[in-house]
């Protein structure tokens, strides 16, 4: 693991799980947006980061939520394996976008961030 990733992990894991889930939801929303653009490299980069974020979070949350996160992580990894063919197919790219958006909403809901009172 490179030093930048180590620093990112330490910083990320210093946040509480609600904030971490918020970051994951935000990344998935970015993937949704980037799928509707020409930013293939951005989608790949954010996908990689999201896979790490899930890995660093899943072990520390309720098992049923962790299972959902790991299922998302597995699907992201599958996308990465055939990313070039998915990216060049408009229908598949649209599916990736829609799925990322649905996951983002689900994880944001899971985080509880929207239901917490604003200080």
PDB file of N, CA and C in Angstrom:
ATOM      1  N   UNK A   1       0.850  -1.180   0.000  1.00  0.00           N
ATOM      2  CA  UNK A   1       0.000   0.000   0.000  1.00  0.00           C
ATOM      3  C   UNK A   1       0.894   1.242   0.000  1.00  0.00           C
ATOM      4  N   UNK A   2       0.532   2.219  -0.788  1.00  0.00           N
ATOM      5  CA  UNK A   2       1.389   3.404  -0.828  1.00  0.00           C
ATOM      6  C   UNK A   2       1.093   4.352   0.344  1.00  0.00           C
ATOM      7  N   UNK A   3       2.001   5.259   0.549  1.00  0.00           N
ATOM      8  CA  UNK A   3       1.928   6.151   1.701  1.00  0.00           C
ATOM      9  C   UNK A   3       0.694   7.053   1.661  1.00  0.00           C
ATOM     10  N   UNK A   4       0.333   7.552   0.474  1.00  0.00           N
ATOM     11  CA  UNK A   4      -0.855   8.395   0.369  1.00  0.00           C
ATOM     12  C   UNK A   4      -2.106   7.638   0.779  1.00  0.00           C
ATOM     13  N   UNK A   5      -2.185   6.370   0.356  1.00  0.00           N
ATOM     14  CA  UNK A   5      -3.337   5.559   0.723  1.00  0.00           C
ATOM     15  C   UNK A   5      -3.357   5.308   2.223  1.00  0.00           C
ATOM     16  N   UNK A   6      -2.181   5.073   2.819  1.00  0.00           N
ATOM     17  CA  UNK A   6      -2.104   4.909   4.273  1.00  0.00           C
ATOM     18  C   UNK A   6      -2.630   6.146   4.990  1.00  0.00           C
ATOM     19  N   UNK A   7      -2.199   7.322   4.544  1.00  0.00           N
ATOM     20  CA  UNK A   7      -2.658   8.572   5.161  1.00  0.00           C
ATOM     21  C   UNK A   7      -4.165   8.741   4.988  1.00  0.00           C
ATOM     22  N   UNK A   8      -4.646   8.432   3.798  1.00  0.00           N
ATOM     23  CA  UNK A   8      -6.079   8.545   3.532  1.00  0.00           C
ATOM     24  C   UNK A   8      -6.859   7.604   4.450  1.00  0.00           C
ATOM     25  N   UNK A   9      -6.346   6.379   4.638  1.00  0.00           N
ATOM     26  CA  UNK A   9      -7.021   5.412   5.497  1.00  0.00           C
ATOM     27  C   UNK A   9      -7.064   5.895   6.942  1.00  0.00           C
ATOM     28  N   UNK A  10      -5.944   6.391   7.441  1.00  0.00           N
ATOM     29  CA  UNK A  10      -5.893   6.879   8.821  1.00  0.00           C
ATOM     30  C   UNK A  10      -6.894   8.020   9.010  1.00  0.00           C
ATOM     31  N   UNK A  11      -6.905   8.956   8.068  1.00  0.00           N
ATOM     32  CA  UNK A  11      -7.838  10.083   8.157  1.00  0.00           C
ATOM     33  C   UNK A  11      -9.285   9.593   8.082  1.00  0.00           C
ATOM     34  N   UNK A  12      -9.560   8.726   7.121  1.00  0.00           N
ATOM     35  CA  UNK A  12     -10.915   8.228   6.918  1.00  0.00           C
ATOM     36  C   UNK A  12     -11.402   7.478   8.155  1.00  0.00           C
ATOM     37  N   UNK A  13     -10.545   6.630   8.709  1.00  0.00           N
ATOM     38  CA  UNK A  13     -10.964   5.824   9.854  1.00  0.00           C
ATOM     39  C   UNK A  13     -11.031   6.620  11.149  1.00  0.00           C
ATOM     40  N   UNK A  14     -10.556   7.855  11.133  1.00  0.00           N
ATOM     41  CA  UNK A  14     -10.688   8.698  12.320  1.00  0.00           C
ATOM     42  C   UNK A  14     -12.093   9.304  12.403  1.00  0.00           C
ATOM     43  N   UNK A  15     -12.846   9.230  11.317  1.00  0.00           N
ATOM     44  CA  UNK A  15     -14.216   9.746  11.287  1.00  0.00           C
ATOM     45  C   UNK A  15     -15.162   8.716  11.899  1.00  0.00           C
ATOM     46  N   UNK A  16     -16.313   9.192  12.407  1.00  0.00           N
ATOM     47  CA  UNK A  16     -17.287   8.217  12.899  1.00  0.00           C
ATOM     48  C   UNK A  16     -17.960   7.520  11.716  1.00  0.00           C
ATOM     49  N   UNK A  17     -18.630   6.406  11.989  1.00  0.00           N
ATOM     50  CA  UNK A  17     -19.165   5.603  10.883  1.00  0.00           C
ATOM     51  C   UNK A  17     -20.228   6.354  10.086  1.00  0.00           C
ATOM     52  N   UNK A  18     -21.005   7.225  10.704  1.00  0.00           N
ATOM     53  CA  UNK A  18     -21.999   7.992   9.947  1.00  0.00           C
ATOM     54  C   UNK A  18     -21.325   8.869   8.893  1.00  0.00           C
ATOM     55  N   UNK A  19     -20.248   9.522   9.287  1.00  0.00           N
ATOM     56  CA  UNK A  19     -19.512  10.374   8.346  1.00  0.00           C
ATOM     57  C   UNK A  19     -18.890   9.510   7.248  1.00  0.00           C
ATOM     58  N   UNK A  20     -18.335   8.365   7.634  1.00  0.00           N
ATOM     59  CA  UNK A  20     -17.741   7.467   6.632  1.00  0.00           C
ATOM     60  C   UNK A  20     -18.784   7.008   5.617  1.00  0.00           C
ATOM     61  N   UNK A  21     -19.955   6.632   6.121  1.00  0.00           N
ATOM     62  CA  UNK A  21     -21.028   6.221   5.204  1.00  0.00           C
ATOM     63  C   UNK A  21     -21.434   7.387   4.310  1.00  0.00           C
ATOM     64  N   UNK A  22     -21.400   8.598   4.865  1.00  0.00           N
ATOM     65  CA  UNK A  22     -21.681   9.787   4.060  1.00  0.00           C
ATOM     66  C   UNK A  22     -20.669   9.959   2.931  1.00  0.00           C
ATOM     67  N   UNK A  23     -19.397   9.687   3.212  1.00  0.00           N
ATOM     68  CA  UNK A  23     -18.365   9.764   2.169  1.00  0.00           C
ATOM     69  C   UNK A  23     -18.612   8.718   1.081  1.00  0.00           C
ATOM     70  N   UNK A  24     -18.981   7.511   1.506  1.00  0.00           N
ATOM     71  CA  UNK A  24     -19.259   6.446   0.533  1.00  0.00           C
ATOM     72  C   UNK A  24     -20.450   6.845  -0.334  1.00  0.00           C
ATOM     73  N   UNK A  25     -21.505   7.356   0.292  1.00  0.00           N
ATOM     74  CA  UNK A  25     -22.690   7.797  -0.459  1.00  0.00           C
ATOM     75  C   UNK A  25     -22.325   8.910  -1.440  1.00  0.00           C
ATOM     76  N   UNK A  26     -21.497   9.832  -0.987  1.00  0.00           N
ATOM     77  CA  UNK A  26     -21.056  10.938  -1.836  1.00  0.00           C
ATOM     78  C   UNK A  26     -20.270  10.426  -3.038  1.00  0.00           C
ATOM     79  N   UNK A  27     -19.370   9.475  -2.794  1.00  0.00           N
ATOM     80  CA  UNK A  27     -18.594   8.897  -3.898  1.00  0.00           C
ATOM     81  C   UNK A  27     -19.502   8.201  -4.902  1.00  0.00           C
ATOM     82  N   UNK A  28     -20.492   7.470  -4.400  1.00  0.00           N
ATOM     83  CA  UNK A  28     -21.405   6.781  -5.317  1.00  0.00           C
ATOM     84  C   UNK A  28     -22.211   7.799  -6.130  1.00  0.00           C
ATOM     85  N   UNK A  29     -22.563   8.916  -5.517  1.00  0.00           N
ATOM     86  CA  UNK A  29     -23.248   9.984  -6.258  1.00  0.00           C
ATOM     87  C   UNK A  29     -22.326  10.565  -7.327  1.00  0.00           C
ATOM     88  N   UNK A  30     -21.039  10.674  -7.011  1.00  0.00           N
ATOM     89  CA  UNK A  30     -20.064  11.150  -8.009  1.00  0.00           C
ATOM     90  C   UNK A  30     -19.976  10.180  -9.180  1.00  0.00           C
ATOM     91  N   UNK A  31     -19.947   8.882  -8.869  1.00  0.00           N
ATOM     92  CA  UNK A  31     -19.902   7.887  -9.943  1.00  0.00           C
ATOM     93  C   UNK A  31     -21.130   8.061 -10.834  1.00  0.00           C
ATOM     94  N   UNK A  32     -22.292   8.233 -10.221  1.00  0.00           N
ATOM     95  CA  UNK A  32     -23.520   8.435 -10.998  1.00  0.00           C
ATOM     96  C   UNK A  32     -23.359   9.621 -11.948  1.00  0.00           C
ATOM     97  N   UNK A  33     -22.866  10.725 -11.426  1.00  0.00           N
ATOM     98  CA  UNK A  33     -22.701  11.937 -12.232  1.00  0.00           C
ATOM     99  C   UNK A  33     -21.641  11.739 -13.315  1.00  0.00           C
ATOM    100  N   UNK A  34     -20.508  11.166 -12.933  1.00  0.00           N
ATOM    101  CA  UNK A  34     -19.418  10.993 -13.890  1.00  0.00           C
ATOM    102  C   UNK A  34     -19.771  10.009 -15.001  1.00  0.00           C
ATOM    103  N   UNK A  35     -20.664   9.055 -14.727  1.00  0.00           N
ATOM    104  CA  UNK A  35     -21.088   8.113 -15.770  1.00  0.00           C
ATOM    105  C   UNK A  35     -21.836   8.837 -16.891  1.00  0.00           C
ATOM    106  N   UNK A  36     -22.388  10.000 -16.575  1.00  0.00           N
ATOM    107  CA  UNK A  36     -23.128  10.780 -17.567  1.00  0.00           C
ATOM    108  C   UNK A  36     -22.235  11.791 -18.270  1.00  0.00           C
ATOM    109  N   UNK A  37     -20.933  11.592 -18.163  1.00  0.00           N
ATOM    110  CA  UNK A  37     -19.987  12.538 -18.742  1.00  0.00           C
ATOM    111  C   UNK A  37     -18.906  11.764 -19.491  1.00  0.00           C
ATOM    112  N   UNK A  38     -17.856  12.445 -19.787  1.00  0.00           N
ATOM    113  CA  UNK A  38     -16.738  11.802 -20.483  1.00  0.00           C
ATOM    114  C   UNK A  38     -15.603  11.448 -19.533  1.00  0.00           C
ATOM    115  N   UNK A  39     -15.860  11.491 -18.239  1.00  0.00           N
ATOM    116  CA  UNK A  39     -14.797  11.327 -17.252  1.00  0.00           C
ATOM    117  C   UNK A  39     -14.582   9.871 -16.847  1.00  0.00           C
ATOM    118  N   UNK A  40     -14.181   9.047 -17.796  1.00  0.00           N
ATOM    119  CA  UNK A  40     -13.953   7.629 -17.518  1.00  0.00           C
ATOM    120  C   UNK A  40     -12.924   7.444 -16.403  1.00  0.00           C
ATOM    121  N   UNK A  41     -11.821   8.194 -16.470  1.00  0.00           N
ATOM    122  CA  UNK A  41     -10.768   8.055 -15.454  1.00  0.00           C
ATOM    123  C   UNK A  41     -11.282   8.457 -14.080  1.00  0.00           C
ATOM    124  N   UNK A  42     -12.145   9.454 -14.038  1.00  0.00           N
ATOM    125  CA  UNK A  42     -12.714   9.876 -12.745  1.00  0.00           C
ATOM    126  C   UNK A  42     -13.576   8.761 -12.162  1.00  0.00           C
ATOM    127  N   UNK A  43     -14.365   8.111 -12.997  1.00  0.00           N
ATOM    128  CA  UNK A  43     -15.196   7.006 -12.510  1.00  0.00           C
ATOM    129  C   UNK A  43     -14.305   5.891 -11.971  1.00  0.00           C
ATOM    130  N   UNK A  44     -13.254   5.569 -12.699  1.00  0.00           N
ATOM    131  CA  UNK A  44     -12.340   4.508 -12.238  1.00  0.00           C
ATOM    132  C   UNK A  44     -11.688   4.888 -10.907  1.00  0.00           C
ATOM    133  N   UNK A  45     -11.243   6.108 -10.798  1.00  0.00           N
ATOM    134  CA  UNK A  45     -10.576   6.575  -9.586  1.00  0.00           C
ATOM    135  C   UNK A  45     -11.524   6.571  -8.379  1.00  0.00           C
ATOM    136  N   UNK A  46     -12.721   7.112  -8.572  1.00  0.00           N
ATOM    137  CA  UNK A  46     -13.686   7.166  -7.463  1.00  0.00           C
ATOM    138  C   UNK A  46     -14.161   5.759  -7.101  1.00  0.00           C
ATOM    139  N   UNK A  47     -14.267   4.884  -8.093  1.00  0.00           N
ATOM    140  CA  UNK A  47     -14.636   3.489  -7.821  1.00  0.00           C
ATOM    141  C   UNK A  47     -13.582   2.827  -6.942  1.00  0.00           C
ATOM    142  N   UNK A  48     -12.308   3.017  -7.284  1.00  0.00           N
ATOM    143  CA  UNK A  48     -11.216   2.464  -6.467  1.00  0.00           C
ATOM    144  C   UNK A  48     -11.285   2.981  -5.035  1.00  0.00           C
ATOM    145  N   UNK A  49     -11.476   4.283  -4.904  1.00  0.00           N
ATOM    146  CA  UNK A  49     -11.529   4.885  -3.573  1.00  0.00           C
ATOM    147  C   UNK A  49     -12.724   4.345  -2.784  1.00  0.00           C
ATOM    148  N   UNK A  50     -13.858   4.191  -3.445  1.00  0.00           N
ATOM    149  CA  UNK A  50     -15.064   3.708  -2.769  1.00  0.00           C
ATOM    150  C   UNK A  50     -14.887   2.280  -2.279  1.00  0.00           C
ATOM    151  N   UNK A  51     -14.233   1.451  -3.086  1.00  0.00           N
ATOM    152  CA  UNK A  51     -13.947   0.073  -2.666  1.00  0.00           C
ATOM    153  C   UNK A  51     -13.120   0.086  -1.380  1.00  0.00           C
ATOM    154  N   UNK A  52     -12.123   0.958  -1.313  1.00  0.00           N
ATOM    155  CA  UNK A  52     -11.313   1.089  -0.083  1.00  0.00           C
ATOM    156  C   UNK A  52     -12.159   1.588   1.082  1.00  0.00           C
ATOM    157  N   UNK A  53     -12.960   2.622   0.847  1.00  0.00           N
ATOM    158  CA  UNK A  53     -13.797   3.179   1.917  1.00  0.00           C
ATOM    159  C   UNK A  53     -14.711   2.103   2.507  1.00  0.00           C
ATOM    160  N   UNK A  54     -15.288   1.283   1.642  1.00  0.00           N
ATOM    161  CA  UNK A  54     -16.173   0.209   2.126  1.00  0.00           C
ATOM    162  C   UNK A  54     -15.366  -0.792   2.949  1.00  0.00           C
ATOM    163  N   UNK A  55     -14.206  -1.163   2.449  1.00  0.00           N
ATOM    164  CA  UNK A  55     -13.351  -2.105   3.177  1.00  0.00           C
ATOM    165  C   UNK A  55     -13.029  -1.571   4.574  1.00  0.00           C
ATOM    166  N   UNK A  56     -12.750  -0.288   4.672  1.00  0.00           N
ATOM    167  CA  UNK A  56     -12.356   0.322   5.944  1.00  0.00           C
ATOM    168  C   UNK A  56     -13.538   0.581   6.876  1.00  0.00           C
ATOM    169  N   UNK A  57     -14.756   0.381   6.399  1.00  0.00           N
ATOM    170  CA  UNK A  57     -15.945   0.687   7.184  1.00  0.00           C
ATOM    171  C   UNK A  57     -16.748  -0.549   7.556  1.00  0.00           C
ATOM    172  N   UNK A  58     -16.861  -1.497   6.639  1.00  0.00           N
ATOM    173  CA  UNK A  58     -17.789  -2.620   6.800  1.00  0.00           C
ATOM    174  C   UNK A  58     -17.587  -3.408   8.095  1.00  0.00           C
ATOM    175  N   UNK A  59     -16.348  -3.574   8.518  1.00  0.00           N
ATOM    176  CA  UNK A  59     -16.073  -4.385   9.712  1.00  0.00           C
ATOM    177  C   UNK A  59     -16.540  -3.704  11.003  1.00  0.00           C
ATOM    178  N   UNK A  60     -16.855  -2.409  10.917  1.00  0.00           N
ATOM    179  CA  UNK A  60     -17.160  -1.657  12.136  1.00  0.00           C
ATOM    180  C   UNK A  60     -18.625  -1.244  12.253  1.00  0.00           C
ATOM    181  N   UNK A  61     -19.471  -1.791  11.390  1.00  0.00           N
ATOM    182  CA  UNK A  61     -20.889  -1.431  11.468  1.00  0.00           C
ATOM    183  C   UNK A  61     -21.742  -2.690  11.645  1.00  0.00           C
ATOM    184  N   UNK A  62     -23.029  -2.495  11.869  1.00  0.00           N
ATOM    185  CA  UNK A  62     -23.947  -3.605  12.085  1.00  0.00           C
ATOM    186  C   UNK A  62     -23.846  -4.600  10.929  1.00  0.00           C
ATOM    187  N   UNK A  63     -23.906  -5.905  11.253  1.00  0.00           N
ATOM    188  CA  UNK A  63     -23.718  -6.937  10.227  1.00  0.00           C
ATOM    189  C   UNK A  63     -24.624  -6.793   9.000  1.00  0.00           C
ATOM    190  N   UNK A  64     -25.891  -6.448   9.204  1.00  0.00           N
ATOM    191  CA  UNK A  64     -26.776  -6.359   8.032  1.00  0.00           C
ATOM    192  C   UNK A  64     -26.383  -5.194   7.127  1.00  0.00           C
ATOM    193  N   UNK A  65     -25.916  -4.094   7.704  1.00  0.00           N
ATOM    194  CA  UNK A  65     -25.422  -2.978   6.891  1.00  0.00           C
ATOM    195  C   UNK A  65     -24.093  -3.342   6.229  1.00  0.00           C
ATOM    196  N   UNK A  66     -23.249  -4.032   6.990  1.00  0.00           N
ATOM    197  CA  UNK A  66     -21.956  -4.447   6.449  1.00  0.00           C
ATOM    198  C   UNK A  66     -22.157  -5.351   5.238  1.00  0.00           C
ATOM    199  N   UNK A  67     -23.139  -6.241   5.315  1.00  0.00           N
ATOM    200  CA  UNK A  67     -23.415  -7.144   4.191  1.00  0.00           C
ATOM    201  C   UNK A  67     -23.818  -6.352   2.954  1.00  0.00           C
ATOM    202  N   UNK A  68     -24.668  -5.352   3.137  1.00  0.00           N
ATOM    203  CA  UNK A  68     -25.064  -4.501   2.010  1.00  0.00           C
ATOM    204  C   UNK A  68     -23.848  -3.800   1.399  1.00  0.00           C
ATOM    205  N   UNK A  69     -23.005  -3.249   2.261  1.00  0.00           N
ATOM    206  CA  UNK A  69     -21.806  -2.560   1.770  1.00  0.00           C
ATOM    207  C   UNK A  69     -20.901  -3.502   0.991  1.00  0.00           C
ATOM    208  N   UNK A  70     -20.698  -4.701   1.527  1.00  0.00           N
ATOM    209  CA  UNK A  70     -19.813  -5.650   0.854  1.00  0.00           C
ATOM    210  C   UNK A  70     -20.408  -6.071  -0.491  1.00  0.00           C
ATOM    211  N   UNK A  71     -21.721  -6.218  -0.557  1.00  0.00           N
ATOM    212  CA  UNK A  71     -22.360  -6.544  -1.840  1.00  0.00           C
ATOM    213  C   UNK A  71     -22.118  -5.435  -2.865  1.00  0.00           C
ATOM    214  N   UNK A  72     -22.192  -4.189  -2.414  1.00  0.00           N
ATOM    215  CA  UNK A  72     -21.893  -3.053  -3.300  1.00  0.00           C
ATOM    216  C   UNK A  72     -20.432  -3.108  -3.725  1.00  0.00           C
ATOM    217  N   UNK A  73     -19.551  -3.375  -2.764  1.00  0.00           N
ATOM    218  CA  UNK A  73     -18.116  -3.455  -3.053  1.00  0.00           C
ATOM    219  C   UNK A  73     -17.840  -4.525  -4.112  1.00  0.00           C
ATOM    220  N   UNK A  74     -18.489  -5.667  -3.988  1.00  0.00           N
ATOM    221  CA  UNK A  74     -18.301  -6.757  -4.954  1.00  0.00           C
ATOM    222  C   UNK A  74     -18.762  -6.315  -6.345  1.00  0.00           C
ATOM    223  N   UNK A  75     -19.905  -5.639  -6.410  1.00  0.00           N
ATOM    224  CA  UNK A  75     -20.388  -5.185  -7.711  1.00  0.00           C
ATOM    225  C   UNK A  75     -19.450  -4.140  -8.321  1.00  0.00           C
ATOM    226  N   UNK A  76     -18.936  -3.234  -7.494  1.00  0.00           N
ATOM    227  CA  UNK A  76     -17.966  -2.248  -7.990  1.00  0.00           C
ATOM    228  C   UNK A  76     -16.732  -2.952  -8.549  1.00  0.00           C
ATOM    229  N   UNK A  77     -16.264  -3.984  -7.846  1.00  0.00           N
ATOM    230  CA  UNK A  77     -15.095  -4.735  -8.309  1.00  0.00           C
ATOM    231  C   UNK A  77     -15.401  -5.444  -9.633  1.00  0.00           C
ATOM    232  N   UNK A  78     -16.617  -5.948  -9.770  1.00  0.00           N
ATOM    233  CA  UNK A  78     -17.016  -6.582 -11.037  1.00  0.00           C
ATOM    234  C   UNK A  78     -17.006  -5.565 -12.172  1.00  0.00           C
ATOM    235  N   UNK A  79     -17.516  -4.381 -11.885  1.00  0.00           N
ATOM    236  CA  UNK A  79     -17.501  -3.323 -12.905  1.00  0.00           C
ATOM    237  C   UNK A  79     -16.067  -3.046 -13.345  1.00  0.00           C
ATOM    238  N   UNK A  80     -15.171  -2.981 -12.369  1.00  0.00           N
ATOM    239  CA  UNK A  80     -13.773  -2.674 -12.697  1.00  0.00           C
ATOM    240  C   UNK A  80     -13.182  -3.711 -13.649  1.00  0.00           C
ATOM    241  N   UNK A  81     -13.548  -4.973 -13.469  1.00  0.00           N
ATOM    242  CA  UNK A  81     -13.002  -6.044 -14.309  1.00  0.00           C
ATOM    243  C   UNK A  81     -13.378  -5.884 -15.777  1.00  0.00           C
ATOM    244  N   UNK A  82     -14.553  -5.334 -16.032  1.00  0.00           N
ATOM    245  CA  UNK A  82     -14.993  -5.174 -17.429  1.00  0.00           C
ATOM    246  C   UNK A  82     -15.326  -3.719 -17.739  1.00  0.00           C
ATOM    247  N   UNK A  83     -14.562  -2.844 -17.118  1.00  0.00           N
ATOM    248  CA  UNK A  83     -14.875  -1.422 -17.187  1.00  0.00           C
ATOM    249  C   UNK A  83     -14.859  -0.868 -18.609  1.00  0.00           C
ATOM    250  N   UNK A  84     -13.860  -1.246 -19.401  1.00  0.00           N
ATOM    251  CA  UNK A  84     -13.769  -0.700 -20.764  1.00  0.00           C
ATOM    252  C   UNK A  84     -14.997  -1.046 -21.594  1.00  0.00           C
ATOM    253  N   UNK A  85     -15.451  -2.291 -21.504  1.00  0.00           N
ATOM    254  CA  UNK A  85     -16.632  -2.672 -22.291  1.00  0.00           C
ATOM    255  C   UNK A  85     -17.900  -2.023 -21.736  1.00  0.00           C
ATOM    256  N   UNK A  86     -18.010  -1.909 -20.424  1.00  0.00           N
ATOM    257  CA  UNK A  86     -19.176  -1.229 -19.830  1.00  0.00           C
ATOM    258  C   UNK A  86     -19.212   0.235 -20.262  1.00  0.00           C
ATOM    259  N   UNK A  87     -18.056   0.866 -20.207  1.00  0.00           N
ATOM    260  CA  UNK A  87     -17.972   2.296 -20.497  1.00  0.00           C
ATOM    261  C   UNK A  87     -18.354   2.602 -21.942  1.00  0.00           C
ATOM    262  N   UNK A  88     -17.988   1.720 -22.852  1.00  0.00           N
ATOM    263  CA  UNK A  88     -18.248   1.984 -24.268  1.00  0.00           C
ATOM    264  C   UNK A  88     -19.680   1.630 -24.679  1.00  0.00           C
ATOM    265  N   UNK A  89     -20.445   1.035 -23.776  1.00  0.00           N
ATOM    266  CA  UNK A  89     -21.838   0.669 -24.049  1.00  0.00           C
ATOM    267  C   UNK A  89     -22.752   1.652 -23.296  1.00  0.00           C
ATOM    268  N   UNK A  90     -23.435   2.511 -24.050  1.00  0.00           N
ATOM    269  CA  UNK A  90     -24.275   3.547 -23.425  1.00  0.00           C
ATOM    270  C   UNK A  90     -25.319   2.967 -22.471  1.00  0.00           C
ATOM    271  N   UNK A  91     -25.906   1.843 -22.843  1.00  0.00           N
ATOM    272  CA  UNK A  91     -26.926   1.216 -21.996  1.00  0.00           C
ATOM    273  C   UNK A  91     -26.321   0.756 -20.674  1.00  0.00           C
ATOM    274  N   UNK A  92     -25.161   0.111 -20.755  1.00  0.00           N
ATOM    275  CA  UNK A  92     -24.495  -0.358 -19.533  1.00  0.00           C
ATOM    276  C   UNK A  92     -24.043   0.815 -18.665  1.00  0.00           C
ATOM    277  N   UNK A  93     -23.551   1.845 -19.299  1.00  0.00           N
ATOM    278  CA  UNK A  93     -23.114   3.024 -18.550  1.00  0.00           C
ATOM    279  C   UNK A  93     -24.296   3.669 -17.829  1.00  0.00           C
ATOM    280  N   UNK A  94     -25.441   3.706 -18.492  1.00  0.00           N
ATOM    281  CA  UNK A  94     -26.657   4.247 -17.867  1.00  0.00           C
ATOM    282  C   UNK A  94     -27.066   3.386 -16.668  1.00  0.00           C
ATOM    283  N   UNK A  95     -26.934   2.066 -16.807  1.00  0.00           N
ATOM    284  CA  UNK A  95     -27.250   1.166 -15.690  1.00  0.00           C
ATOM    285  C   UNK A  95     -26.311   1.422 -14.513  1.00  0.00           C
ATOM    286  N   UNK A  96     -25.026   1.593 -14.816  1.00  0.00           N
ATOM    287  CA  UNK A  96     -24.042   1.893 -13.759  1.00  0.00           C
ATOM    288  C   UNK A  96     -24.427   3.179 -13.047  1.00  0.00           C
ATOM    289  N   UNK A  97     -24.801   4.179 -13.820  1.00  0.00           N
ATOM    290  CA  UNK A  97     -25.183   5.469 -13.259  1.00  0.00           C
ATOM    291  C   UNK A  97     -26.392   5.327 -12.338  1.00  0.00           C
ATOM    292  N   UNK A  98     -27.419   4.650 -12.839  1.00  0.00           N
ATOM    293  CA  UNK A  98     -28.651   4.486 -12.042  1.00  0.00           C
ATOM    294  C   UNK A  98     -28.399   3.666 -10.790  1.00  0.00           C
ATOM    295  N   UNK A  99     -27.617   2.590 -10.912  1.00  0.00           N
ATOM    296  CA  UNK A  99     -27.317   1.744  -9.758  1.00  0.00           C
ATOM    297  C   UNK A  99     -26.513   2.515  -8.714  1.00  0.00           C
ATOM    298  N   UNK A 100     -25.531   3.286  -9.174  1.00  0.00           N
ATOM    299  CA  UNK A 100     -24.723   4.091  -8.238  1.00  0.00           C
ATOM    300  C   UNK A 100     -25.599   5.091  -7.494  1.00  0.00           C
ATOM    301  N   UNK A 101     -26.525   5.699  -8.213  1.00  0.00           N
ATOM    302  CA  UNK A 101     -27.432   6.656  -7.578  1.00  0.00           C
ATOM    303  C   UNK A 101     -28.311   5.999  -6.526  1.00  0.00           C
ATOM    304  N   UNK A 102     -28.835   4.819  -6.845  1.00  0.00           N
ATOM    305  CA  UNK A 102     -29.674   4.091  -5.882  1.00  0.00           C
ATOM    306  C   UNK A 102     -28.864   3.711  -4.643  1.00  0.00           C
ATOM    307  N   UNK A 103     -27.646   3.219  -4.863  1.00  0.00           N
ATOM    308  CA  UNK A 103     -26.784   2.880  -3.723  1.00  0.00           C
ATOM    309  C   UNK A 103     -26.471   4.103  -2.890  1.00  0.00           C
ATOM    310  N   UNK A 104     -26.191   5.213  -3.535  1.00  0.00           N
ATOM    311  CA  UNK A 104     -25.861   6.438  -2.823  1.00  0.00           C
ATOM    312  C   UNK A 104     -27.000   6.826  -1.881  1.00  0.00           C
ATOM    313  N   UNK A 105     -28.226   6.805  -2.403  1.00  0.00           N
ATOM    314  CA  UNK A 105     -29.392   7.157  -1.570  1.00  0.00           C
ATOM    315  C   UNK A 105     -29.546   6.187  -0.411  1.00  0.00           C
ATOM    316  N   UNK A 106     -29.357   4.898  -0.679  1.00  0.00           N
ATOM    317  CA  UNK A 106     -29.503   3.874   0.360  1.00  0.00           C
ATOM    318  C   UNK A 106     -28.455   4.069   1.462  1.00  0.00           C
ATOM    319  N   UNK A 107     -27.227   4.305   1.075  1.00  0.00           N
ATOM    320  CA  UNK A 107     -26.162   4.448   2.079  1.00  0.00           C
ATOM    321  C   UNK A 107     -26.300   5.768   2.835  1.00  0.00           C
ATOM    322  N   UNK A 108     -26.728   6.809   2.157  1.00  0.00           N
ATOM    323  CA  UNK A 108     -26.974   8.070   2.861  1.00  0.00           C
ATOM    324  C   UNK A 108     -28.064   7.871   3.907  1.00  0.00           C
ATOM    325  N   UNK A 109     -29.104   7.134   3.553  1.00  0.00           N
ATOM    326  CA  UNK A 109     -30.164   6.809   4.499  1.00  0.00           C
ATOM    327  C   UNK A 109     -29.607   5.978   5.659  1.00  0.00           C
ATOM    328  N   UNK A 110     -28.786   4.992   5.338  1.00  0.00           N
ATOM    329  CA  UNK A 110     -28.163   4.130   6.339  1.00  0.00           C
ATOM    330  C   UNK A 110     -27.298   4.935   7.312  1.00  0.00           C
ATOM    331  N   UNK A 111     -26.665   5.990   6.812  1.00  0.00           N
ATOM    332  CA  UNK A 111     -25.743   6.792   7.629  1.00  0.00           C
ATOM    333  C   UNK A 111     -26.447   7.539   8.752  1.00  0.00           C
ATOM    334  N   UNK A 112     -27.725   7.831   8.547  1.00  0.00           N
ATOM    335  CA  UNK A 112     -28.462   8.614   9.535  1.00  0.00           C
ATOM    336  C   UNK A 112     -28.156  10.099   9.485  1.00  0.00           C
ATOM    337  N   UNK A 113     -27.297  10.523   8.575  1.00  0.00           N
ATOM    338  CA  UNK A 113     -26.889  11.930   8.527  1.00  0.00           C
ATOM    339  C   UNK A 113     -28.048  12.863   8.223  1.00  0.00           C
ATOM    340  N   UNK A 114     -29.000  12.407   7.419  1.00  0.00           N
ATOM    341  CA  UNK A 114     -30.114  13.291   7.058  1.00  0.00           C
ATOM    342  C   UNK A 114     -31.127  13.422   8.181  1.00  0.00           C
ATOM    343  N   UNK A 115     -31.105  12.471   9.113  1.00  0.00           N
ATOM    344  CA  UNK A 115     -32.094  12.512  10.196  1.00  0.00           C
ATOM    345  C   UNK A 115     -31.542  13.138  11.481  1.00  0.00           C
ATOM    346  N   UNK A 116     -30.248  13.437  11.476  1.00  0.00           N
ATOM    347  CA  UNK A 116     -29.656  14.051  12.669  1.00  0.00           C
ATOM    348  C   UNK A 116     -30.003  15.535  12.702  1.00  0.00           C
ATOM    349  N   UNK A 117     -30.303  16.047  13.894  1.00  0.00           N
ATOM    350  CA  UNK A 117     -30.575  17.490  13.980  1.00  0.00           C
ATOM    351  C   UNK A 117     -29.324  18.293  13.646  1.00  0.00           C
ATOM    352  N   UNK A 118     -29.527  19.421  13.009  1.00  0.00           N
ATOM    353  CA  UNK A 118     -28.406  20.285  12.657  1.00  0.00           C
ATOM    354  C   UNK A 118     -28.043  21.115  13.885  1.00  0.00           C
ATOM    355  N   UNK A 119     -26.763  21.066  14.230  1.00  0.00           N
ATOM    356  CA  UNK A 119     -26.290  21.750  15.444  1.00  0.00           C
ATOM    357  C   UNK A 119     -26.237  23.255  15.217  1.00  0.00           C
TER     358      UNK A 119
END
